[in-house]
């Protein structure tokens, strides 16, 4: 139960829904983590994971193996096998090779082996610069997007495009949510490891695009990007848009200036923070 102070903080920290990307965190099902998924082949086995081992065929065996603090699993009549730090695929192959010394049909192919996660360990991930910054205990299957979801995503001043994943006190990867929003590209949605830190810095450049575009809103712009890119973020002009030029309300240290950007400048005009682009409607003659 939140007290009134907490509710006020939550209310104040909610981001503007016009900010492109905010819809990712508006849906309660967003990137909610789920353990009810198939074990990824690149999942890295760690201490306290419980593996379900099944041998089937001519020779059979079934059991749950807990990974010890030393990183080993113990299999009756086989012994200790070190699996911590291996992917589930590599761990399966190592277990198969070792068990093959006892279960001869594993070597000949008369029996097969299956190794899956039965119980999943938790990891600690610290998230800075989010609406709910904290250190979270997440499933070891959690991804960057899962962590951003549980933390409420970037604040009103947070970047959606330069999110930093820190691992072992070093920058491991920069996360750009626009890649997923524009192209469905989830290459940034990588798995997390224990003690990872996700840092959401403040944005550097944001602009507003209003008027006759399909998705008016507030967009974050990276160095070197142009107005044509911002237009793509907004899904382009509407059918009734005047496309030969747009007006820009540019902000200086002292005042706002009104400029015209023609169509031939769309690929060269670099937006500055605070720019407001307005796309006018075509004028149709009265009938």
C-alpha atoms as a PDB file:
ATOM      1  CA  UNK A   1       0.000   0.000   0.000  1.00  0.00           C
ATOM      2  CA  UNK A   2       1.529   3.332  -1.050  1.00  0.00           C
ATOM      3  CA  UNK A   3       1.240   6.383   1.170  1.00  0.00           C
ATOM      4  CA  UNK A   4       0.224   9.784  -0.256  1.00  0.00           C
ATOM      5  CA  UNK A   5       3.855  10.895  -0.614  1.00  0.00           C
ATOM      6  CA  UNK A   6       4.720   7.821  -2.687  1.00  0.00           C
ATOM      7  CA  UNK A   7       1.642   8.360  -4.834  1.00  0.00           C
ATOM      8  CA  UNK A   8       2.653  11.970  -5.469  1.00  0.00           C
ATOM      9  CA  UNK A   9       6.169  10.882  -6.473  1.00  0.00           C
ATOM     10  CA  UNK A  10       4.714   8.264  -8.818  1.00  0.00           C
ATOM     11  CA  UNK A  11       2.377  10.842 -10.335  1.00  0.00           C
ATOM     12  CA  UNK A  12       5.165  13.375 -10.865  1.00  0.00           C
ATOM     13  CA  UNK A  13       7.560  10.818 -12.342  1.00  0.00           C
ATOM     14  CA  UNK A  14       5.159   9.601 -15.030  1.00  0.00           C
ATOM     15  CA  UNK A  15       6.532  10.446 -18.442  1.00  0.00           C
ATOM     16  CA  UNK A  16       4.682  12.445 -21.046  1.00  0.00           C
ATOM     17  CA  UNK A  17       2.671  10.017 -23.182  1.00  0.00           C
ATOM     18  CA  UNK A  18       3.620  12.044 -26.262  1.00  0.00           C
ATOM     19  CA  UNK A  19       7.219  10.891 -25.814  1.00  0.00           C
ATOM     20  CA  UNK A  20       7.910   8.268 -28.451  1.00  0.00           C
ATOM     21  CA  UNK A  21       8.499   4.936 -26.705  1.00  0.00           C
ATOM     22  CA  UNK A  22       6.500   5.681 -23.563  1.00  0.00           C
ATOM     23  CA  UNK A  23       3.804   3.278 -24.758  1.00  0.00           C
ATOM     24  CA  UNK A  24       6.188   0.397 -24.043  1.00  0.00           C
ATOM     25  CA  UNK A  25       5.692   0.943 -20.332  1.00  0.00           C
ATOM     26  CA  UNK A  26       2.009   1.925 -20.342  1.00  0.00           C
ATOM     27  CA  UNK A  27       0.803  -1.624 -20.985  1.00  0.00           C
ATOM     28  CA  UNK A  28       0.906  -3.750 -17.833  1.00  0.00           C
ATOM     29  CA  UNK A  29       1.904  -6.778 -19.909  1.00  0.00           C
ATOM     30  CA  UNK A  30       4.723  -4.896 -21.715  1.00  0.00           C
ATOM     31  CA  UNK A  31       7.960  -6.798 -21.244  1.00  0.00           C
ATOM     32  CA  UNK A  32       6.867  -8.556 -18.092  1.00  0.00           C
ATOM     33  CA  UNK A  33       9.249 -11.352 -17.267  1.00  0.00           C
ATOM     34  CA  UNK A  34       7.971 -14.900 -17.550  1.00  0.00           C
ATOM     35  CA  UNK A  35       9.757 -18.040 -16.402  1.00  0.00           C
ATOM     36  CA  UNK A  36       7.337 -20.186 -18.384  1.00  0.00           C
ATOM     37  CA  UNK A  37       9.502 -20.248 -21.489  1.00  0.00           C
ATOM     38  CA  UNK A  38      11.703 -22.810 -23.177  1.00  0.00           C
ATOM     39  CA  UNK A  39      15.297 -22.810 -21.982  1.00  0.00           C
ATOM     40  CA  UNK A  40      17.376 -20.737 -24.445  1.00  0.00           C
ATOM     41  CA  UNK A  41      20.340 -22.700 -25.815  1.00  0.00           C
ATOM     42  CA  UNK A  42      22.658 -19.816 -24.911  1.00  0.00           C
ATOM     43  CA  UNK A  43      21.438 -19.664 -21.290  1.00  0.00           C
ATOM     44  CA  UNK A  44      24.447 -19.686 -18.965  1.00  0.00           C
ATOM     45  CA  UNK A  45      24.137 -22.187 -16.113  1.00  0.00           C
ATOM     46  CA  UNK A  46      24.941 -20.848 -12.656  1.00  0.00           C
ATOM     47  CA  UNK A  47      24.961 -21.681  -8.957  1.00  0.00           C
ATOM     48  CA  UNK A  48      21.544 -22.690  -7.538  1.00  0.00           C
ATOM     49  CA  UNK A  49      20.050 -23.531 -10.916  1.00  0.00           C
ATOM     50  CA  UNK A  50      18.224 -26.865 -10.861  1.00  0.00           C
ATOM     51  CA  UNK A  51      18.600 -28.918 -14.032  1.00  0.00           C
ATOM     52  CA  UNK A  52      16.120 -31.577 -15.114  1.00  0.00           C
ATOM     53  CA  UNK A  53      18.100 -34.458 -16.583  1.00  0.00           C
ATOM     54  CA  UNK A  54      16.331 -37.174 -18.558  1.00  0.00           C
ATOM     55  CA  UNK A  55      17.972 -40.123 -20.325  1.00  0.00           C
ATOM     56  CA  UNK A  56      15.538 -42.095 -22.479  1.00  0.00           C
ATOM     57  CA  UNK A  57      15.775 -45.028 -24.874  1.00  0.00           C
ATOM     58  CA  UNK A  58      17.456 -48.382 -24.150  1.00  0.00           C
ATOM     59  CA  UNK A  59      18.894 -47.014 -20.895  1.00  0.00           C
ATOM     60  CA  UNK A  60      16.887 -44.572 -18.787  1.00  0.00           C
ATOM     61  CA  UNK A  61      17.479 -42.074 -15.993  1.00  0.00           C
ATOM     62  CA  UNK A  62      15.588 -39.111 -14.614  1.00  0.00           C
ATOM     63  CA  UNK A  63      16.538 -36.692 -11.886  1.00  0.00           C
ATOM     64  CA  UNK A  64      16.893 -33.075 -10.786  1.00  0.00           C
ATOM     65  CA  UNK A  65      20.421 -31.763 -10.342  1.00  0.00           C
ATOM     66  CA  UNK A  66      21.151 -28.675  -8.251  1.00  0.00           C
ATOM     67  CA  UNK A  67      24.222 -26.708  -9.253  1.00  0.00           C
ATOM     68  CA  UNK A  68      26.393 -26.452  -6.144  1.00  0.00           C
ATOM     69  CA  UNK A  69      28.201 -23.287  -4.965  1.00  0.00           C
ATOM     70  CA  UNK A  70      31.299 -24.808  -6.555  1.00  0.00           C
ATOM     71  CA  UNK A  71      29.486 -25.009  -9.888  1.00  0.00           C
ATOM     72  CA  UNK A  72      29.046 -28.788 -10.017  1.00  0.00           C
ATOM     73  CA  UNK A  73      26.166 -31.232 -10.380  1.00  0.00           C
ATOM     74  CA  UNK A  74      26.310 -34.696  -8.874  1.00  0.00           C
ATOM     75  CA  UNK A  75      24.951 -37.663 -10.831  1.00  0.00           C
ATOM     76  CA  UNK A  76      24.633 -41.055  -9.108  1.00  0.00           C
ATOM     77  CA  UNK A  77      27.190 -43.601 -10.334  1.00  0.00           C
ATOM     78  CA  UNK A  78      28.771 -40.917 -12.514  1.00  0.00           C
ATOM     79  CA  UNK A  79      30.186 -38.326 -10.120  1.00  0.00           C
ATOM     80  CA  UNK A  80      30.662 -34.570 -10.171  1.00  0.00           C
ATOM     81  CA  UNK A  81      30.450 -32.606 -13.402  1.00  0.00           C
ATOM     82  CA  UNK A  82      31.298 -28.908 -13.507  1.00  0.00           C
ATOM     83  CA  UNK A  83      28.666 -27.006 -15.481  1.00  0.00           C
ATOM     84  CA  UNK A  84      28.629 -23.446 -14.065  1.00  0.00           C
ATOM     85  CA  UNK A  85      29.541 -20.867 -16.706  1.00  0.00           C
ATOM     86  CA  UNK A  86      28.565 -23.181 -19.571  1.00  0.00           C
ATOM     87  CA  UNK A  87      25.607 -22.562 -21.828  1.00  0.00           C
ATOM     88  CA  UNK A  88      22.784 -25.065 -21.413  1.00  0.00           C
ATOM     89  CA  UNK A  89      23.800 -26.515 -24.782  1.00  0.00           C
ATOM     90  CA  UNK A  90      27.447 -26.955 -23.758  1.00  0.00           C
ATOM     91  CA  UNK A  91      26.425 -28.323 -20.353  1.00  0.00           C
ATOM     92  CA  UNK A  92      24.185 -30.906 -22.043  1.00  0.00           C
ATOM     93  CA  UNK A  93      27.052 -32.059 -24.257  1.00  0.00           C
ATOM     94  CA  UNK A  94      29.461 -32.270 -21.295  1.00  0.00           C
ATOM     95  CA  UNK A  95      26.981 -34.264 -19.212  1.00  0.00           C
ATOM     96  CA  UNK A  96      26.331 -36.584 -22.157  1.00  0.00           C
ATOM     97  CA  UNK A  97      30.049 -37.197 -22.726  1.00  0.00           C
ATOM     98  CA  UNK A  98      30.698 -37.891 -19.035  1.00  0.00           C
ATOM     99  CA  UNK A  99      27.640 -40.097 -18.581  1.00  0.00           C
ATOM    100  CA  UNK A 100      28.638 -42.006 -21.696  1.00  0.00           C
ATOM    101  CA  UNK A 101      31.344 -43.728 -19.662  1.00  0.00           C
ATOM    102  CA  UNK A 102      28.585 -45.384 -17.591  1.00  0.00           C
ATOM    103  CA  UNK A 103      25.600 -45.324 -19.931  1.00  0.00           C
ATOM    104  CA  UNK A 104      27.113 -46.970 -22.988  1.00  0.00           C
ATOM    105  CA  UNK A 105      23.994 -46.519 -25.111  1.00  0.00           C
ATOM    106  CA  UNK A 106      24.466 -42.747 -24.931  1.00  0.00           C
ATOM    107  CA  UNK A 107      27.646 -43.251 -26.961  1.00  0.00           C
ATOM    108  CA  UNK A 108      26.047 -45.604 -29.466  1.00  0.00           C
ATOM    109  CA  UNK A 109      22.868 -43.568 -29.896  1.00  0.00           C
ATOM    110  CA  UNK A 110      20.562 -46.139 -28.342  1.00  0.00           C
ATOM    111  CA  UNK A 111      19.677 -43.601 -25.666  1.00  0.00           C
ATOM    112  CA  UNK A 112      19.176 -39.843 -25.843  1.00  0.00           C
ATOM    113  CA  UNK A 113      19.623 -37.108 -23.268  1.00  0.00           C
ATOM    114  CA  UNK A 114      17.621 -33.998 -22.422  1.00  0.00           C
ATOM    115  CA  UNK A 115      18.736 -31.237 -20.046  1.00  0.00           C
ATOM    116  CA  UNK A 116      16.387 -28.357 -19.217  1.00  0.00           C
ATOM    117  CA  UNK A 117      15.975 -25.844 -16.421  1.00  0.00           C
ATOM    118  CA  UNK A 118      13.685 -27.075 -13.675  1.00  0.00           C
ATOM    119  CA  UNK A 119      14.134 -24.264 -11.151  1.00  0.00           C
ATOM    120  CA  UNK A 120      15.677 -20.966 -12.080  1.00  0.00           C
ATOM    121  CA  UNK A 121      17.983 -18.927  -9.876  1.00  0.00           C
ATOM    122  CA  UNK A 122      17.530 -15.216  -9.276  1.00  0.00           C
ATOM    123  CA  UNK A 123      20.016 -12.471 -10.061  1.00  0.00           C
ATOM    124  CA  UNK A 124      20.492  -8.947  -8.722  1.00  0.00           C
ATOM    125  CA  UNK A 125      20.215  -6.097 -11.227  1.00  0.00           C
ATOM    126  CA  UNK A 126      20.533  -2.418 -10.281  1.00  0.00           C
ATOM    127  CA  UNK A 127      18.604   0.115 -12.359  1.00  0.00           C
ATOM    128  CA  UNK A 128      19.491   3.805 -12.187  1.00  0.00           C
ATOM    129  CA  UNK A 129      17.543   6.683 -13.740  1.00  0.00           C
ATOM    130  CA  UNK A 130      14.235   4.831 -14.048  1.00  0.00           C
ATOM    131  CA  UNK A 131      10.836   5.783 -12.647  1.00  0.00           C
ATOM    132  CA  UNK A 132      11.412   3.190  -9.923  1.00  0.00           C
ATOM    133  CA  UNK A 133      15.200   3.025  -9.457  1.00  0.00           C
ATOM    134  CA  UNK A 134      16.288   0.149  -7.223  1.00  0.00           C
ATOM    135  CA  UNK A 135      18.182  -3.103  -7.029  1.00  0.00           C
ATOM    136  CA  UNK A 136      15.843  -5.846  -8.233  1.00  0.00           C
ATOM    137  CA  UNK A 137      15.905  -9.599  -7.856  1.00  0.00           C
ATOM    138  CA  UNK A 138      14.949 -10.997 -11.237  1.00  0.00           C
ATOM    139  CA  UNK A 139      14.840 -14.390 -12.853  1.00  0.00           C
ATOM    140  CA  UNK A 140      18.131 -15.343 -14.465  1.00  0.00           C
ATOM    141  CA  UNK A 141      16.122 -15.564 -17.711  1.00  0.00           C
ATOM    142  CA  UNK A 142      15.354 -11.828 -17.499  1.00  0.00           C
ATOM    143  CA  UNK A 143      16.417  -9.523 -20.311  1.00  0.00           C
ATOM    144  CA  UNK A 144      17.183  -5.818 -20.526  1.00  0.00           C
ATOM    145  CA  UNK A 145      13.609  -5.045 -21.599  1.00  0.00           C
ATOM    146  CA  UNK A 146      12.197  -7.070 -18.681  1.00  0.00           C
ATOM    147  CA  UNK A 147      14.302  -5.016 -16.248  1.00  0.00           C
ATOM    148  CA  UNK A 148      13.252  -1.729 -17.839  1.00  0.00           C
ATOM    149  CA  UNK A 149       9.616  -2.803 -17.540  1.00  0.00           C
ATOM    150  CA  UNK A 150       9.717  -3.623 -13.822  1.00  0.00           C
ATOM    151  CA  UNK A 151      11.499  -0.324 -13.126  1.00  0.00           C
ATOM    152  CA  UNK A 152       8.870   1.710 -14.998  1.00  0.00           C
ATOM    153  CA  UNK A 153      11.158   2.740 -17.863  1.00  0.00           C
ATOM    154  CA  UNK A 154      12.905   6.090 -18.332  1.00  0.00           C
ATOM    155  CA  UNK A 155      11.738   9.135 -16.381  1.00  0.00           C
ATOM    156  CA  UNK A 156      10.404  12.299 -18.018  1.00  0.00           C
ATOM    157  CA  UNK A 157      13.989  13.356 -18.705  1.00  0.00           C
ATOM    158  CA  UNK A 158      15.428   9.906 -19.396  1.00  0.00           C
ATOM    159  CA  UNK A 159      16.940   8.737 -22.665  1.00  0.00           C
ATOM    160  CA  UNK A 160      15.265   5.996 -24.687  1.00  0.00           C
ATOM    161  CA  UNK A 161      18.227   5.701 -27.034  1.00  0.00           C
ATOM    162  CA  UNK A 162      21.429   5.726 -24.994  1.00  0.00           C
ATOM    163  CA  UNK A 163      20.606   3.368 -22.135  1.00  0.00           C
ATOM    164  CA  UNK A 164      23.782   1.832 -20.745  1.00  0.00           C
ATOM    165  CA  UNK A 165      24.203  -1.777 -19.672  1.00  0.00           C
ATOM    166  CA  UNK A 166      27.189  -1.921 -17.319  1.00  0.00           C
ATOM    167  CA  UNK A 167      28.822  -5.280 -16.639  1.00  0.00           C
ATOM    168  CA  UNK A 168      31.905  -5.807 -14.468  1.00  0.00           C
ATOM    169  CA  UNK A 169      32.150  -2.023 -14.038  1.00  0.00           C
ATOM    170  CA  UNK A 170      32.457  -1.471 -17.795  1.00  0.00           C
ATOM    171  CA  UNK A 171      30.061  -0.330 -20.500  1.00  0.00           C
ATOM    172  CA  UNK A 172      28.915  -3.602 -22.053  1.00  0.00           C
ATOM    173  CA  UNK A 173      26.275  -2.331 -24.474  1.00  0.00           C
ATOM    174  CA  UNK A 174      24.275   0.776 -25.355  1.00  0.00           C
ATOM    175  CA  UNK A 175      20.550   0.121 -25.721  1.00  0.00           C
ATOM    176  CA  UNK A 176      18.499   2.017 -28.317  1.00  0.00           C
ATOM    177  CA  UNK A 177      14.790   1.281 -27.885  1.00  0.00           C
ATOM    178  CA  UNK A 178      14.009   2.996 -31.200  1.00  0.00           C
ATOM    179  CA  UNK A 179      15.518   0.036 -33.060  1.00  0.00           C
ATOM    180  CA  UNK A 180      12.759  -2.162 -31.694  1.00  0.00           C
ATOM    181  CA  UNK A 181      10.040   0.472 -32.052  1.00  0.00           C
ATOM    182  CA  UNK A 182      10.820   1.206 -35.691  1.00  0.00           C
ATOM    183  CA  UNK A 183      11.890  -2.169 -37.039  1.00  0.00           C
ATOM    184  CA  UNK A 184      10.921  -4.776 -34.449  1.00  0.00           C
ATOM    185  CA  UNK A 185      14.667  -5.340 -33.950  1.00  0.00           C
ATOM    186  CA  UNK A 186      15.221  -6.946 -30.532  1.00  0.00           C
ATOM    187  CA  UNK A 187      18.982  -7.306 -30.837  1.00  0.00           C
ATOM    188  CA  UNK A 188      19.348  -4.983 -27.824  1.00  0.00           C
ATOM    189  CA  UNK A 189      17.100  -7.199 -25.684  1.00  0.00           C
ATOM    190  CA  UNK A 190      19.958  -9.291 -24.336  1.00  0.00           C
ATOM    191  CA  UNK A 191      20.010 -11.500 -21.261  1.00  0.00           C
ATOM    192  CA  UNK A 192      21.157 -10.101 -17.935  1.00  0.00           C
ATOM    193  CA  UNK A 193      23.774 -11.402 -15.512  1.00  0.00           C
ATOM    194  CA  UNK A 194      24.126 -11.152 -11.767  1.00  0.00           C
ATOM    195  CA  UNK A 195      25.205  -7.683 -10.601  1.00  0.00           C
ATOM    196  CA  UNK A 196      24.527  -5.986 -13.947  1.00  0.00           C
ATOM    197  CA  UNK A 197      23.733  -2.272 -13.760  1.00  0.00           C
ATOM    198  CA  UNK A 198      21.343  -0.538 -16.165  1.00  0.00           C
ATOM    199  CA  UNK A 199      21.893   3.211 -16.243  1.00  0.00           C
ATOM    200  CA  UNK A 200      19.387   5.506 -17.956  1.00  0.00           C
ATOM    201  CA  UNK A 201      21.043   8.899 -18.565  1.00  0.00           C
ATOM    202  CA  UNK A 202      19.189  12.118 -19.321  1.00  0.00           C
ATOM    203  CA  UNK A 203      18.388  12.718 -22.972  1.00  0.00           C
ATOM    204  CA  UNK A 204      20.565  15.176 -24.900  1.00  0.00           C
ATOM    205  CA  UNK A 205      18.299  16.221 -27.778  1.00  0.00           C
ATOM    206  CA  UNK A 206      14.534  16.020 -28.065  1.00  0.00           C
ATOM    207  CA  UNK A 207      12.269  17.652 -30.644  1.00  0.00           C
ATOM    208  CA  UNK A 208       8.537  17.902 -31.171  1.00  0.00           C
ATOM    209  CA  UNK A 209       6.781  17.104 -34.447  1.00  0.00           C
ATOM    210  CA  UNK A 210       3.239  18.427 -34.769  1.00  0.00           C
ATOM    211  CA  UNK A 211       0.549  18.743 -37.394  1.00  0.00           C
ATOM    212  CA  UNK A 212       0.006  16.570 -40.441  1.00  0.00           C
ATOM    213  CA  UNK A 213       2.089  13.512 -39.591  1.00  0.00           C
ATOM    214  CA  UNK A 214       0.783  10.055 -38.786  1.00  0.00           C
ATOM    215  CA  UNK A 215       2.229   9.927 -35.276  1.00  0.00           C
ATOM    216  CA  UNK A 216       2.753  13.390 -33.784  1.00  0.00           C
ATOM    217  CA  UNK A 217       4.931  13.369 -30.711  1.00  0.00           C
ATOM    218  CA  UNK A 218       8.212  14.094 -28.990  1.00  0.00           C
ATOM    219  CA  UNK A 219      11.244  12.315 -30.404  1.00  0.00           C
ATOM    220  CA  UNK A 220      14.808  11.812 -29.241  1.00  0.00           C
ATOM    221  CA  UNK A 221      17.514  12.576 -31.787  1.00  0.00           C
ATOM    222  CA  UNK A 222      21.112  11.354 -31.767  1.00  0.00           C
ATOM    223  CA  UNK A 223      24.079  13.317 -33.156  1.00  0.00           C
ATOM    224  CA  UNK A 224      24.252  13.183 -36.951  1.00  0.00           C
ATOM    225  CA  UNK A 225      20.560  12.403 -37.446  1.00  0.00           C
ATOM    226  CA  UNK A 226      18.435  14.650 -39.643  1.00  0.00           C
ATOM    227  CA  UNK A 227      14.848  15.805 -40.026  1.00  0.00           C
ATOM    228  CA  UNK A 228      14.117  12.989 -42.489  1.00  0.00           C
ATOM    229  CA  UNK A 229      14.866  10.563 -39.663  1.00  0.00           C
ATOM    230  CA  UNK A 230      12.525  12.375 -37.293  1.00  0.00           C
ATOM    231  CA  UNK A 231       9.843  12.217 -39.974  1.00  0.00           C
ATOM    232  CA  UNK A 232      10.377   8.445 -40.165  1.00  0.00           C
ATOM    233  CA  UNK A 233       9.899   8.195 -36.381  1.00  0.00           C
ATOM    234  CA  UNK A 234       6.485   9.842 -36.919  1.00  0.00           C
ATOM    235  CA  UNK A 235       5.638   7.340 -39.703  1.00  0.00           C
ATOM    236  CA  UNK A 236       5.699  10.053 -42.360  1.00  0.00           C
ATOM    237  CA  UNK A 237       3.232  12.621 -43.626  1.00  0.00           C
ATOM    238  CA  UNK A 238      -0.522  12.211 -43.693  1.00  0.00           C
ATOM    239  CA  UNK A 239      -2.303  12.292 -47.069  1.00  0.00           C
ATOM    240  CA  UNK A 240      -3.328  15.894 -46.512  1.00  0.00           C
ATOM    241  CA  UNK A 241       0.099  17.205 -45.477  1.00  0.00           C
ATOM    242  CA  UNK A 242       1.933  20.009 -47.220  1.00  0.00           C
ATOM    243  CA  UNK A 243       5.185  18.141 -47.937  1.00  0.00           C
ATOM    244  CA  UNK A 244       7.262  20.803 -49.695  1.00  0.00           C
ATOM    245  CA  UNK A 245       8.435  22.326 -46.430  1.00  0.00           C
ATOM    246  CA  UNK A 246       7.933  22.545 -42.682  1.00  0.00           C
ATOM    247  CA  UNK A 247       8.162  25.360 -40.166  1.00  0.00           C
ATOM    248  CA  UNK A 248      10.646  25.076 -37.317  1.00  0.00           C
ATOM    249  CA  UNK A 249      10.282  26.971 -34.079  1.00  0.00           C
ATOM    250  CA  UNK A 250      13.912  26.903 -32.968  1.00  0.00           C
ATOM    251  CA  UNK A 251      15.033  27.782 -29.484  1.00  0.00           C
ATOM    252  CA  UNK A 252      18.072  29.981 -28.832  1.00  0.00           C
ATOM    253  CA  UNK A 253      19.509  31.193 -25.530  1.00  0.00           C
ATOM    254  CA  UNK A 254      17.364  34.345 -25.743  1.00  0.00           C
ATOM    255  CA  UNK A 255      14.330  33.629 -27.882  1.00  0.00           C
ATOM    256  CA  UNK A 256      12.515  31.377 -30.328  1.00  0.00           C
ATOM    257  CA  UNK A 257      13.139  31.785 -34.022  1.00  0.00           C
ATOM    258  CA  UNK A 258      10.848  30.678 -36.812  1.00  0.00           C
ATOM    259  CA  UNK A 259      12.575  29.056 -39.771  1.00  0.00           C
ATOM    260  CA  UNK A 260      11.448  27.282 -42.908  1.00  0.00           C
ATOM    261  CA  UNK A 261      13.004  23.956 -43.862  1.00  0.00           C
ATOM    262  CA  UNK A 262      12.383  23.007 -47.468  1.00  0.00           C
ATOM    263  CA  UNK A 263      12.012  19.470 -48.754  1.00  0.00           C
ATOM    264  CA  UNK A 264      15.528  19.479 -50.242  1.00  0.00           C
ATOM    265  CA  UNK A 265      16.896  20.153 -46.736  1.00  0.00           C
ATOM    266  CA  UNK A 266      15.159  17.231 -45.006  1.00  0.00           C
ATOM    267  CA  UNK A 267      18.244  15.009 -45.296  1.00  0.00           C
ATOM    268  CA  UNK A 268      20.679  17.702 -44.168  1.00  0.00           C
ATOM    269  CA  UNK A 269      18.880  19.710 -41.476  1.00  0.00           C
ATOM    270  CA  UNK A 270      20.102  18.528 -38.053  1.00  0.00           C
ATOM    271  CA  UNK A 271      17.485  19.151 -35.355  1.00  0.00           C
ATOM    272  CA  UNK A 272      18.519  20.978 -32.192  1.00  0.00           C
ATOM    273  CA  UNK A 273      17.070  20.257 -28.779  1.00  0.00           C
ATOM    274  CA  UNK A 274      13.785  22.082 -28.239  1.00  0.00           C
ATOM    275  CA  UNK A 275      12.980  22.392 -31.955  1.00  0.00           C
ATOM    276  CA  UNK A 276       9.259  22.261 -32.716  1.00  0.00           C
ATOM    277  CA  UNK A 277       8.446  21.170 -36.284  1.00  0.00           C
ATOM    278  CA  UNK A 278       4.991  21.994 -37.599  1.00  0.00           C
ATOM    279  CA  UNK A 279       3.628  20.302 -40.727  1.00  0.00           C
ATOM    280  CA  UNK A 280       0.828  22.281 -42.325  1.00  0.00           C
ATOM    281  CA  UNK A 281      -2.264  21.004 -44.061  1.00  0.00           C
ATOM    282  CA  UNK A 282      -2.718  21.341 -47.792  1.00  0.00           C
ATOM    283  CA  UNK A 283      -5.124  24.077 -48.790  1.00  0.00           C
ATOM    284  CA  UNK A 284      -7.862  22.829 -51.077  1.00  0.00           C
ATOM    285  CA  UNK A 285      -9.852  25.227 -53.262  1.00  0.00           C
ATOM    286  CA  UNK A 286     -13.458  25.652 -52.307  1.00  0.00           C
ATOM    287  CA  UNK A 287     -15.900  23.966 -54.669  1.00  0.00           C
END
